Amino acid sequence: MIVGLTPRGEGVIARGDLEVGYQVFGDHPRALLLLPTWSLIHSDFWRHQVPYFAERYTVVVFDGVGNGMSSRSTDPEDYQDHLFAKDALAVLDAAGVDQAVALSVSAGAGWNLVLAAEHPDRIPAAVFIGAALPIGPTAAHRVASLQAFDRELENHEGWFRFNRHYWSQDWPDFLQFFFSQCFTEPDSAEQIDHFVQMGLQTTPEVITATTDAPGLDADEIAALARSTSTPLLVIHGTEDAVSDIGTGRELARLTRGDYVERPGEGHEPQSRNPDETNRIIDRFLARHHPPTP
């Protein structure tokens, strides 16, 4: 849900017993689909892109299951990549949109890749920002904590806060730490606080379910990436502490996509440096999906 902006339309789609909330902004012949990311936050992480692009495109956003206007589930099966991709297509249908360029940030890269590879008739181009995928190297500072994710620890300093047991002990502290790692740029307190507030709208139990969900493995990701013929843009910050920059480079290599490296920037450039990020996306859209005059 985009806070502070009035959509021209909104609604919910049903996925079994679950509901997925969506909003539509702008009213133009060509469309953009702003995908959800990890259910830790809702779609307001796109707050700087919606008004900018809605002046020239129909912009469709939706909240992934687990946050925002959508149902909270504690069943890991509800968080599979292909289910989020199906939600995206159902949202486009509900919004009356045949084709839309799909934009993703971080964990949204999984369902964006599924859409680009398997539904090129609906997704004429795709943009990946800070892609979090199991390809390329894992950031060295994250390896030990990921290995200890399921263990009960005495020490939860640094990335050892990324731990299923710690989430139930001190959820607000985990959120504060994690989003400080999303925004490694100086003077990012405003952005960190915004993301923490979104994270408080879901629960540790929900987010634990997302981590237990069966996900695409490295071989599946590589196969999807190699198979796509859709024009792609990959944007990645050199100071991304969540997803190693090698992931962005590998995604661009496998997909033969355009690659833009952002020196000194972290995991969420669409929020921390939206003006330049929007211009980079604009230049890509001008070549592959220009707005109708």
C-alpha atoms as a PDB file:
ATOM      1  CA  MET A   1       0.000   0.000   0.000  1.00  0.00           C
ATOM      2  CA  ILE A   2       1.355   3.377  -1.011  1.00  0.00           C
ATOM      3  CA  VAL A   3       0.889   5.745   1.921  1.00  0.00           C
ATOM      4  CA  GLY A   4      -0.262   9.311   1.277  1.00  0.00           C
ATOM      5  CA  LEU A   5      -1.259   8.852  -2.374  1.00  0.00           C
ATOM      6  CA  THR A   6      -4.785   8.265  -3.643  1.00  0.00           C
ATOM      7  CA  PRO A   7      -5.038   5.433  -6.171  1.00  0.00           C
ATOM      8  CA  ARG A   8      -7.479   5.603  -9.054  1.00  0.00           C
ATOM      9  CA  GLY A   9      -8.366   2.012  -8.262  1.00  0.00           C
ATOM     10  CA  GLU A  10      -7.694  -0.674  -5.687  1.00  0.00           C
ATOM     11  CA  GLY A  11      -8.934  -4.082  -4.715  1.00  0.00           C
ATOM     12  CA  VAL A  12      -8.022  -7.597  -3.696  1.00  0.00           C
ATOM     13  CA  ILE A  13      -7.574 -10.865  -5.532  1.00  0.00           C
ATOM     14  CA  ALA A  14      -8.140 -14.224  -3.902  1.00  0.00           C
ATOM     15  CA  ARG A  15      -5.493 -16.925  -3.737  1.00  0.00           C
ATOM     16  CA  GLY A  16      -7.367 -19.737  -2.052  1.00  0.00           C
ATOM     17  CA  ASP A  17      -8.184 -18.489   1.443  1.00  0.00           C
ATOM     18  CA  LEU A  18      -5.674 -15.644   1.162  1.00  0.00           C
ATOM     19  CA  GLU A  19      -6.204 -12.121  -0.133  1.00  0.00           C
ATOM     20  CA  VAL A  20      -3.690 -10.030  -2.071  1.00  0.00           C
ATOM     21  CA  GLY A  21      -4.262  -6.271  -2.058  1.00  0.00           C
ATOM     22  CA  TYR A  22      -3.358  -4.075  -5.022  1.00  0.00           C
ATOM     23  CA  GLN A  23      -3.542  -0.432  -6.112  1.00  0.00           C
ATOM     24  CA  VAL A  24      -3.536   1.284  -9.508  1.00  0.00           C
ATOM     25  CA  PHE A  25      -2.178   4.770 -10.171  1.00  0.00           C
ATOM     26  CA  GLY A  26      -2.212   6.799 -13.366  1.00  0.00           C
ATOM     27  CA  ASP A  27      -4.236   6.064 -16.481  1.00  0.00           C
ATOM     28  CA  HIS A  28      -2.080   5.619 -19.565  1.00  0.00           C
ATOM     29  CA  PRO A  29      -1.808   3.079 -22.417  1.00  0.00           C
ATOM     30  CA  ARG A  30       1.486   1.613 -21.219  1.00  0.00           C
ATOM     31  CA  ALA A  31       1.961   0.109 -17.774  1.00  0.00           C
ATOM     32  CA  LEU A  32       4.510  -0.716 -15.090  1.00  0.00           C
ATOM     33  CA  LEU A  33       4.128  -3.446 -12.481  1.00  0.00           C
ATOM     34  CA  LEU A  34       5.962  -2.686  -9.231  1.00  0.00           C
ATOM     35  CA  LEU A  35       6.460  -6.055  -7.567  1.00  0.00           C
ATOM     36  CA  PRO A  36       6.564  -6.720  -3.836  1.00  0.00           C
ATOM     37  CA  THR A  37       9.816  -7.700  -2.178  1.00  0.00           C
ATOM     38  CA  TRP A  38      10.403  -9.793   0.942  1.00  0.00           C
ATOM     39  CA  SER A  39       7.220  -9.664   3.010  1.00  0.00           C
ATOM     40  CA  LEU A  40       9.202  -7.922   5.737  1.00  0.00           C
ATOM     41  CA  ILE A  41       7.889  -4.697   4.143  1.00  0.00           C
ATOM     42  CA  HIS A  42       4.910  -3.684   2.013  1.00  0.00           C
ATOM     43  CA  SER A  43       4.745  -1.804  -1.276  1.00  0.00           C
ATOM     44  CA  ASP A  44       5.365   1.652   0.198  1.00  0.00           C
ATOM     45  CA  PHE A  45       9.053   1.029  -0.513  1.00  0.00           C
ATOM     46  CA  TRP A  46       8.037   2.191  -4.024  1.00  0.00           C
ATOM     47  CA  ARG A  47       6.736   5.540  -2.704  1.00  0.00           C
ATOM     48  CA  HIS A  48       9.226   7.553  -4.781  1.00  0.00           C
ATOM     49  CA  GLN A  49       8.552   5.695  -8.034  1.00  0.00           C
ATOM     50  CA  VAL A  50       4.740   5.687  -8.083  1.00  0.00           C
ATOM     51  CA  PRO A  51       4.099   9.448  -8.471  1.00  0.00           C
ATOM     52  CA  TYR A  52       7.056   9.872 -10.833  1.00  0.00           C
ATOM     53  CA  PHE A  53       6.024   7.166 -13.295  1.00  0.00           C
ATOM     54  CA  ALA A  54       2.237   7.545 -12.906  1.00  0.00           C
ATOM     55  CA  GLU A  55       2.476  10.809 -14.838  1.00  0.00           C
ATOM     56  CA  ARG A  56       3.219   8.759 -17.989  1.00  0.00           C
ATOM     57  CA  TYR A  57       2.321   5.147 -17.208  1.00  0.00           C
ATOM     58  CA  THR A  58      -0.402   3.157 -15.538  1.00  0.00           C
ATOM     59  CA  VAL A  59       1.370   1.939 -12.396  1.00  0.00           C
ATOM     60  CA  VAL A  60       0.180  -1.217 -10.638  1.00  0.00           C
ATOM     61  CA  VAL A  61       1.496  -2.144  -7.188  1.00  0.00           C
ATOM     62  CA  PHE A  62       0.550  -4.946  -4.824  1.00  0.00           C
ATOM     63  CA  ASP A  63       1.507  -6.201  -1.395  1.00  0.00           C
ATOM     64  CA  GLY A  64       2.937  -9.677  -1.185  1.00  0.00           C
ATOM     65  CA  VAL A  65       1.245 -12.143   1.135  1.00  0.00           C
ATOM     66  CA  GLY A  66       2.545 -11.399   4.626  1.00  0.00           C
ATOM     67  CA  ASN A  67       2.303  -7.587   4.838  1.00  0.00           C
ATOM     68  CA  GLY A  68       0.360  -4.475   3.897  1.00  0.00           C
ATOM     69  CA  MET A  69      -3.103  -4.975   2.431  1.00  0.00           C
ATOM     70  CA  SER A  70      -2.547  -8.721   2.012  1.00  0.00           C
ATOM     71  CA  SER A  71      -3.211 -11.698   4.268  1.00  0.00           C
ATOM     72  CA  ARG A  72      -0.634 -12.855   6.797  1.00  0.00           C
ATOM     73  CA  SER A  73       0.137 -16.547   6.554  1.00  0.00           C
ATOM     74  CA  THR A  74       2.422 -18.712   8.671  1.00  0.00           C
ATOM     75  CA  ASP A  75       2.438 -21.566   6.141  1.00  0.00           C
ATOM     76  CA  PRO A  76       5.771 -21.684   4.257  1.00  0.00           C
ATOM     77  CA  GLU A  77       4.032 -23.158   1.205  1.00  0.00           C
ATOM     78  CA  ASP A  78       2.270 -19.815   0.659  1.00  0.00           C
ATOM     79  CA  TYR A  79       5.553 -18.010  -0.066  1.00  0.00           C
ATOM     80  CA  GLN A  80       6.815 -19.889  -3.119  1.00  0.00           C
ATOM     81  CA  ASP A  81       8.284 -17.818  -5.945  1.00  0.00           C
ATOM     82  CA  HIS A  82       5.906 -19.166  -8.571  1.00  0.00           C
ATOM     83  CA  LEU A  83       2.905 -18.291  -6.379  1.00  0.00           C
ATOM     84  CA  PHE A  84       4.034 -14.667  -6.145  1.00  0.00           C
ATOM     85  CA  ALA A  85       4.470 -14.640  -9.928  1.00  0.00           C
ATOM     86  CA  LYS A  86       0.927 -15.980 -10.341  1.00  0.00           C
ATOM     87  CA  ASP A  87      -0.320 -13.283  -7.959  1.00  0.00           C
ATOM     88  CA  ALA A  88       1.334 -10.691 -10.201  1.00  0.00           C
ATOM     89  CA  LEU A  89      -0.472 -11.956 -13.303  1.00  0.00           C
ATOM     90  CA  ALA A  90      -3.786 -12.122 -11.441  1.00  0.00           C
ATOM     91  CA  VAL A  91      -3.313  -8.542 -10.254  1.00  0.00           C
ATOM     92  CA  LEU A  92      -2.634  -7.387 -13.821  1.00  0.00           C
ATOM     93  CA  ASP A  93      -5.821  -9.151 -14.934  1.00  0.00           C
ATOM     94  CA  ALA A  94      -7.838  -7.514 -12.159  1.00  0.00           C
ATOM     95  CA  ALA A  95      -6.410  -4.115 -13.091  1.00  0.00           C
ATOM     96  CA  GLY A  96      -7.260  -4.661 -16.758  1.00  0.00           C
ATOM     97  CA  VAL A  97      -3.615  -4.532 -17.870  1.00  0.00           C
ATOM     98  CA  ASP A  98      -2.423  -6.824 -20.658  1.00  0.00           C
ATOM     99  CA  GLN A  99       1.290  -5.962 -20.576  1.00  0.00           C
ATOM    100  CA  ALA A 100       3.540  -4.245 -18.039  1.00  0.00           C
ATOM    101  CA  VAL A 101       7.248  -3.841 -17.459  1.00  0.00           C
ATOM    102  CA  ALA A 102       7.993  -5.539 -14.128  1.00  0.00           C
ATOM    103  CA  LEU A 103      10.247  -3.854 -11.564  1.00  0.00           C
ATOM    104  CA  SER A 104      11.644  -5.650  -8.517  1.00  0.00           C
ATOM    105  CA  VAL A 105      13.888  -4.971  -5.535  1.00  0.00           C
ATOM    106  CA  SER A 106      15.852  -7.569  -3.550  1.00  0.00           C
ATOM    107  CA  ALA A 107      13.818 -10.771  -2.987  1.00  0.00           C
ATOM    108  CA  GLY A 108      11.327  -9.715  -5.657  1.00  0.00           C
ATOM    109  CA  ALA A 109      13.961 -10.746  -8.202  1.00  0.00           C
ATOM    110  CA  GLY A 110      12.827 -14.376  -7.947  1.00  0.00           C
ATOM    111  CA  TRP A 111       9.279 -13.807  -9.136  1.00  0.00           C
ATOM    112  CA  ASN A 112      10.412 -11.111 -11.570  1.00  0.00           C
ATOM    113  CA  LEU A 113      12.697 -13.649 -13.231  1.00  0.00           C
ATOM    114  CA  VAL A 114       9.883 -16.214 -13.421  1.00  0.00           C
ATOM    115  CA  LEU A 115       7.644 -13.626 -15.062  1.00  0.00           C
ATOM    116  CA  ALA A 116      10.277 -12.467 -17.551  1.00  0.00           C
ATOM    117  CA  ALA A 117      11.277 -16.010 -18.558  1.00  0.00           C
ATOM    118  CA  GLU A 118       7.874 -17.704 -18.611  1.00  0.00           C
ATOM    119  CA  HIS A 119       5.500 -14.879 -19.564  1.00  0.00           C
ATOM    120  CA  PRO A 120       7.217 -12.636 -22.117  1.00  0.00           C
ATOM    121  CA  ASP A 121       3.808 -11.958 -23.684  1.00  0.00           C
ATOM    122  CA  ARG A 122       2.791 -10.149 -20.488  1.00  0.00           C
ATOM    123  CA  ILE A 123       6.178  -8.779 -19.390  1.00  0.00           C
ATOM    124  CA  PRO A 124       7.897  -6.960 -22.294  1.00  0.00           C
ATOM    125  CA  ALA A 125      10.860  -5.852 -20.154  1.00  0.00           C
ATOM    126  CA  ALA A 126      12.060  -6.139 -16.566  1.00  0.00           C
ATOM    127  CA  VAL A 127      14.143  -4.153 -14.065  1.00  0.00           C
ATOM    128  CA  PHE A 128      16.033  -5.730 -11.149  1.00  0.00           C
ATOM    129  CA  ILE A 129      17.327  -3.551  -8.279  1.00  0.00           C
ATOM    130  CA  GLY A 130      19.621  -5.090  -5.639  1.00  0.00           C
ATOM    131  CA  ALA A 131      18.636  -8.582  -6.765  1.00  0.00           C
ATOM    132  CA  ALA A 132      18.753 -11.152  -3.940  1.00  0.00           C
ATOM    133  CA  LEU A 133      19.154 -14.522  -5.639  1.00  0.00           C
ATOM    134  CA  PRO A 134      21.175 -17.696  -4.914  1.00  0.00           C
ATOM    135  CA  ILE A 135      23.656 -16.992  -7.713  1.00  0.00           C
ATOM    136  CA  GLY A 136      27.079 -15.429  -7.488  1.00  0.00           C
ATOM    137  CA  PRO A 137      28.976 -15.134  -4.202  1.00  0.00           C
ATOM    138  CA  THR A 138      27.389 -14.779  -0.777  1.00  0.00           C
ATOM    139  CA  ALA A 139      28.662 -11.711   1.057  1.00  0.00           C
ATOM    140  CA  ALA A 140      31.481 -12.873   3.339  1.00  0.00           C
ATOM    141  CA  HIS A 141      30.044 -11.119   6.392  1.00  0.00           C
ATOM    142  CA  ARG A 142      26.795 -13.088   5.997  1.00  0.00           C
ATOM    143  CA  VAL A 143      28.087 -16.628   5.568  1.00  0.00           C
ATOM    144  CA  ALA A 144      28.491 -17.536   9.248  1.00  0.00           C
ATOM    145  CA  SER A 145      25.168 -16.047  10.307  1.00  0.00           C
ATOM    146  CA  LEU A 146      23.264 -17.843   7.548  1.00  0.00           C
ATOM    147  CA  GLN A 147      24.795 -21.129   8.657  1.00  0.00           C
ATOM    148  CA  ALA A 148      23.651 -20.395  12.215  1.00  0.00           C
ATOM    149  CA  PHE A 149      20.132 -19.242  11.290  1.00  0.00           C
ATOM    150  CA  ASP A 150      18.392 -22.245  12.901  1.00  0.00           C
ATOM    151  CA  ARG A 151      20.600 -22.483  15.998  1.00  0.00           C
ATOM    152  CA  GLU A 152      19.902 -21.013  19.423  1.00  0.00           C
ATOM    153  CA  LEU A 153      22.798 -18.661  20.087  1.00  0.00           C
ATOM    154  CA  GLU A 154      24.074 -16.821  23.144  1.00  0.00           C
ATOM    155  CA  ASN A 155      25.491 -13.968  21.075  1.00  0.00           C
ATOM    156  CA  HIS A 156      23.361 -12.103  18.542  1.00  0.00           C
ATOM    157  CA  GLU A 157      25.743  -9.343  17.586  1.00  0.00           C
ATOM    158  CA  GLY A 158      25.718  -8.015  14.042  1.00  0.00           C
ATOM    159  CA  TRP A 159      24.365 -10.366  11.407  1.00  0.00           C
ATOM    160  CA  PHE A 160      23.733 -13.048  14.031  1.00  0.00           C
ATOM    161  CA  ARG A 161      20.494 -11.132  14.632  1.00  0.00           C
ATOM    162  CA  PHE A 162      19.393 -12.790  11.378  1.00  0.00           C
ATOM    163  CA  ASN A 163      18.213 -15.827  13.353  1.00  0.00           C
ATOM    164  CA  ARG A 164      14.795 -17.414  13.737  1.00  0.00           C
ATOM    165  CA  HIS A 165      15.070 -17.589  17.534  1.00  0.00           C
ATOM    166  CA  TYR A 166      16.200 -13.989  17.918  1.00  0.00           C
ATOM    167  CA  TRP A 167      13.301 -12.732  15.812  1.00  0.00           C
ATOM    168  CA  SER A 168      10.849 -13.972  18.440  1.00  0.00           C
ATOM    169  CA  GLN A 169      12.993 -12.458  21.217  1.00  0.00           C
ATOM    170  CA  ASP A 170      13.491  -8.926  19.911  1.00  0.00           C
ATOM    171  CA  TRP A 171      11.756  -8.250  16.612  1.00  0.00           C
ATOM    172  CA  PRO A 172      12.167  -4.434  16.715  1.00  0.00           C
ATOM    173  CA  ASP A 173      15.931  -4.734  17.293  1.00  0.00           C
ATOM    174  CA  PHE A 174      16.281  -7.112  14.351  1.00  0.00           C
ATOM    175  CA  LEU A 175      14.368  -4.692  12.123  1.00  0.00           C
ATOM    176  CA  GLN A 176      16.537  -1.765  13.182  1.00  0.00           C
ATOM    177  CA  PHE A 177      19.695  -3.728  12.465  1.00  0.00           C
ATOM    178  CA  PHE A 178      18.564  -5.251   9.183  1.00  0.00           C
ATOM    179  CA  PHE A 179      17.423  -1.984   7.680  1.00  0.00           C
ATOM    180  CA  SER A 180      20.635  -0.294   8.779  1.00  0.00           C
ATOM    181  CA  GLN A 181      22.298  -2.860   6.523  1.00  0.00           C
ATOM    182  CA  CYS A 182      19.888  -2.068   3.690  1.00  0.00           C
ATOM    183  CA  PHE A 183      20.896   1.592   3.915  1.00  0.00           C
ATOM    184  CA  THR A 184      24.677   1.646   4.267  1.00  0.00           C
ATOM    185  CA  GLU A 185      24.865   5.246   3.032  1.00  0.00           C
ATOM    186  CA  PRO A 186      25.520   7.934   5.692  1.00  0.00           C
ATOM    187  CA  ASP A 187      22.559   9.953   6.981  1.00  0.00           C
ATOM    188  CA  SER A 188      19.943   7.291   6.218  1.00  0.00           C
ATOM    189  CA  ALA A 189      18.013   7.499   9.496  1.00  0.00           C
ATOM    190  CA  GLU A 190      14.823   8.654   7.766  1.00  0.00           C
ATOM    191  CA  GLN A 191      14.809   5.710   5.365  1.00  0.00           C
ATOM    192  CA  ILE A 192      15.695   3.207   8.098  1.00  0.00           C
ATOM    193  CA  ASP A 193      12.823   4.420  10.279  1.00  0.00           C
ATOM    194  CA  HIS A 194      10.377   4.218   7.367  1.00  0.00           C
ATOM    195  CA  PHE A 195      11.313   0.599   6.694  1.00  0.00           C
ATOM    196  CA  VAL A 196      11.212  -0.330  10.388  1.00  0.00           C
ATOM    197  CA  GLN A 197       7.635   0.968  10.576  1.00  0.00           C
ATOM    198  CA  MET A 198       6.680  -1.250   7.639  1.00  0.00           C
ATOM    199  CA  GLY A 199       8.410  -4.223   9.285  1.00  0.00           C
ATOM    200  CA  LEU A 200       6.372  -3.739  12.448  1.00  0.00           C
ATOM    201  CA  GLN A 201       3.208  -4.407  10.412  1.00  0.00           C
ATOM    202  CA  THR A 202       4.069  -8.081  10.142  1.00  0.00           C
ATOM    203  CA  THR A 203       5.313 -10.663  12.661  1.00  0.00           C
ATOM    204  CA  PRO A 204       8.329 -12.901  13.274  1.00  0.00           C
ATOM    205  CA  GLU A 205       6.125 -15.936  12.688  1.00  0.00           C
ATOM    206  CA  VAL A 206       5.154 -14.705   9.224  1.00  0.00           C
ATOM    207  CA  ILE A 207       8.720 -13.868   8.231  1.00  0.00           C
ATOM    208  CA  THR A 208      10.007 -17.181   9.565  1.00  0.00           C
ATOM    209  CA  ALA A 209       7.514 -18.872   7.237  1.00  0.00           C
ATOM    210  CA  THR A 210       8.951 -16.951   4.281  1.00  0.00           C
ATOM    211  CA  THR A 211      12.455 -18.236   5.059  1.00  0.00           C
ATOM    212  CA  ASP A 212      11.153 -21.818   5.315  1.00  0.00           C
ATOM    213  CA  ALA A 213       9.382 -21.617   1.958  1.00  0.00           C
ATOM    214  CA  PRO A 214      10.655 -23.880  -0.827  1.00  0.00           C
ATOM    215  CA  GLY A 215      12.579 -21.511  -3.082  1.00  0.00           C
ATOM    216  CA  LEU A 216      14.254 -21.591  -6.468  1.00  0.00           C
ATOM    217  CA  ASP A 217      17.766 -22.998  -6.222  1.00  0.00           C
ATOM    218  CA  ALA A 218      20.845 -21.750  -8.064  1.00  0.00           C
ATOM    219  CA  ASP A 219      20.407 -24.142 -10.988  1.00  0.00           C
ATOM    220  CA  GLU A 220      16.764 -23.162 -11.479  1.00  0.00           C
ATOM    221  CA  ILE A 221      17.627 -19.475 -11.300  1.00  0.00           C
ATOM    222  CA  ALA A 222      20.437 -19.891 -13.832  1.00  0.00           C
ATOM    223  CA  ALA A 223      18.182 -21.821 -16.195  1.00  0.00           C
ATOM    224  CA  LEU A 224      15.475 -19.155 -16.020  1.00  0.00           C
ATOM    225  CA  ALA A 225      18.030 -16.404 -16.530  1.00  0.00           C
ATOM    226  CA  ARG A 226      19.563 -18.060 -19.581  1.00  0.00           C
ATOM    227  CA  SER A 227      16.174 -18.781 -21.120  1.00  0.00           C
ATOM    228  CA  THR A 228      14.778 -15.268 -20.988  1.00  0.00           C
ATOM    229  CA  SER A 229      14.831 -13.150 -24.114  1.00  0.00           C
ATOM    230  CA  THR A 230      13.098 -10.231 -22.419  1.00  0.00           C
ATOM    231  CA  PRO A 231      15.144  -7.000 -22.261  1.00  0.00           C
ATOM    232  CA  LEU A 232      16.486  -6.662 -18.710  1.00  0.00           C
ATOM    233  CA  LEU A 233      18.086  -3.926 -16.642  1.00  0.00           C
ATOM    234  CA  VAL A 234      20.085  -4.849 -13.526  1.00  0.00           C
ATOM    235  CA  ILE A 235      20.954  -2.107 -10.999  1.00  0.00           C
ATOM    236  CA  HIS A 236      23.223  -2.908  -8.046  1.00  0.00           C
ATOM    237  CA  GLY A 237      25.040  -0.784  -5.457  1.00  0.00           C
ATOM    238  CA  THR A 238      28.706  -1.407  -4.731  1.00  0.00           C
ATOM    239  CA  GLU A 239      28.065  -1.080  -0.966  1.00  0.00           C
ATOM    240  CA  ASP A 240      25.125  -3.483  -0.844  1.00  0.00           C
ATOM    241  CA  ALA A 241      25.510  -5.313   2.482  1.00  0.00           C
ATOM    242  CA  VAL A 242      22.484  -7.583   1.965  1.00  0.00           C
ATOM    243  CA  SER A 243      23.046  -9.016  -1.519  1.00  0.00           C
ATOM    244  CA  ASP A 244      26.620  -9.202  -2.751  1.00  0.00           C
ATOM    245  CA  ILE A 245      27.326  -7.124  -5.838  1.00  0.00           C
ATOM    246  CA  GLY A 246      28.501 -10.319  -7.508  1.00  0.00           C
ATOM    247  CA  THR A 247      24.853 -11.406  -7.623  1.00  0.00           C
ATOM    248  CA  GLY A 248      23.919  -8.428  -9.761  1.00  0.00           C
ATOM    249  CA  ARG A 249      26.880  -8.965 -12.052  1.00  0.00           C
ATOM    250  CA  GLU A 250      26.048 -12.656 -12.472  1.00  0.00           C
ATOM    251  CA  LEU A 251      22.365 -11.950 -13.170  1.00  0.00           C
ATOM    252  CA  ALA A 252      23.310  -9.446 -15.871  1.00  0.00           C
ATOM    253  CA  ARG A 253      25.776 -11.917 -17.382  1.00  0.00           C
ATOM    254  CA  LEU A 254      23.332 -14.828 -17.472  1.00  0.00           C
ATOM    255  CA  THR A 255      20.488 -12.757 -18.910  1.00  0.00           C
ATOM    256  CA  ARG A 256      22.683 -10.663 -21.231  1.00  0.00           C
ATOM    257  CA  GLY A 257      20.954  -7.684 -19.653  1.00  0.00           C
ATOM    258  CA  ASP A 258      21.965  -4.063 -19.236  1.00  0.00           C
ATOM    259  CA  TYR A 259      23.977  -3.521 -16.066  1.00  0.00           C
ATOM    260  CA  VAL A 260      24.318  -0.323 -14.030  1.00  0.00           C
ATOM    261  CA  GLU A 261      26.635  -0.362 -11.020  1.00  0.00           C
ATOM    262  CA  ARG A 262      26.004   2.342  -8.420  1.00  0.00           C
ATOM    263  CA  PRO A 263      29.250   3.356  -6.638  1.00  0.00           C
ATOM    264  CA  GLY A 264      28.849   3.918  -2.901  1.00  0.00           C
ATOM    265  CA  GLU A 265      25.202   2.905  -2.809  1.00  0.00           C
ATOM    266  CA  GLY A 266      23.514   0.222  -0.761  1.00  0.00           C
ATOM    267  CA  HIS A 267      20.640  -2.212  -1.138  1.00  0.00           C
ATOM    268  CA  GLU A 268      17.718   0.186  -1.651  1.00  0.00           C
ATOM    269  CA  PRO A 269      18.705   2.911  -4.147  1.00  0.00           C
ATOM    270  CA  GLN A 270      15.074   3.405  -5.204  1.00  0.00           C
ATOM    271  CA  SER A 271      14.454   4.747  -1.684  1.00  0.00           C
ATOM    272  CA  ARG A 272      17.815   6.288  -0.778  1.00  0.00           C
ATOM    273  CA  ASN A 273      18.604   7.946  -4.126  1.00  0.00           C
ATOM    274  CA  PRO A 274      15.296   7.872  -5.992  1.00  0.00           C
ATOM    275  CA  ASP A 275      15.891  10.707  -8.444  1.00  0.00           C
ATOM    276  CA  GLU A 276      18.920   9.118 -10.101  1.00  0.00           C
ATOM    277  CA  THR A 277      17.385   5.639  -9.889  1.00  0.00           C
ATOM    278  CA  ASN A 278      14.248   6.874 -11.643  1.00  0.00           C
ATOM    279  CA  ARG A 279      16.322   8.475 -14.387  1.00  0.00           C
ATOM    280  CA  ILE A 280      18.243   5.236 -14.975  1.00  0.00           C
ATOM    281  CA  ILE A 281      14.965   3.317 -15.251  1.00  0.00           C
ATOM    282  CA  ASP A 282      13.548   6.023 -17.528  1.00  0.00           C
ATOM    283  CA  ARG A 283      16.425   5.666 -19.972  1.00  0.00           C
ATOM    284  CA  PHE A 284      15.856   1.901 -20.116  1.00  0.00           C
ATOM    285  CA  LEU A 285      12.103   2.341 -20.624  1.00  0.00           C
ATOM    286  CA  ALA A 286      12.686   4.887 -23.386  1.00  0.00           C
ATOM    287  CA  ARG A 287      14.372   2.137 -25.413  1.00  0.00           C
ATOM    288  CA  HIS A 288      12.189  -0.810 -24.532  1.00  0.00           C
ATOM    289  CA  HIS A 289       8.764   0.467 -23.388  1.00  0.00           C
ATOM    290  CA  PRO A 290       8.385   4.204 -24.054  1.00  0.00           C
ATOM    291  CA  PRO A 291       5.209   5.918 -22.883  1.00  0.00           C
ATOM    292  CA  THR A 292       2.649   6.590 -25.599  1.00  0.00           C
ATOM    293  CA  PRO A 293       2.754  10.259 -26.685  1.00  0.00           C
END
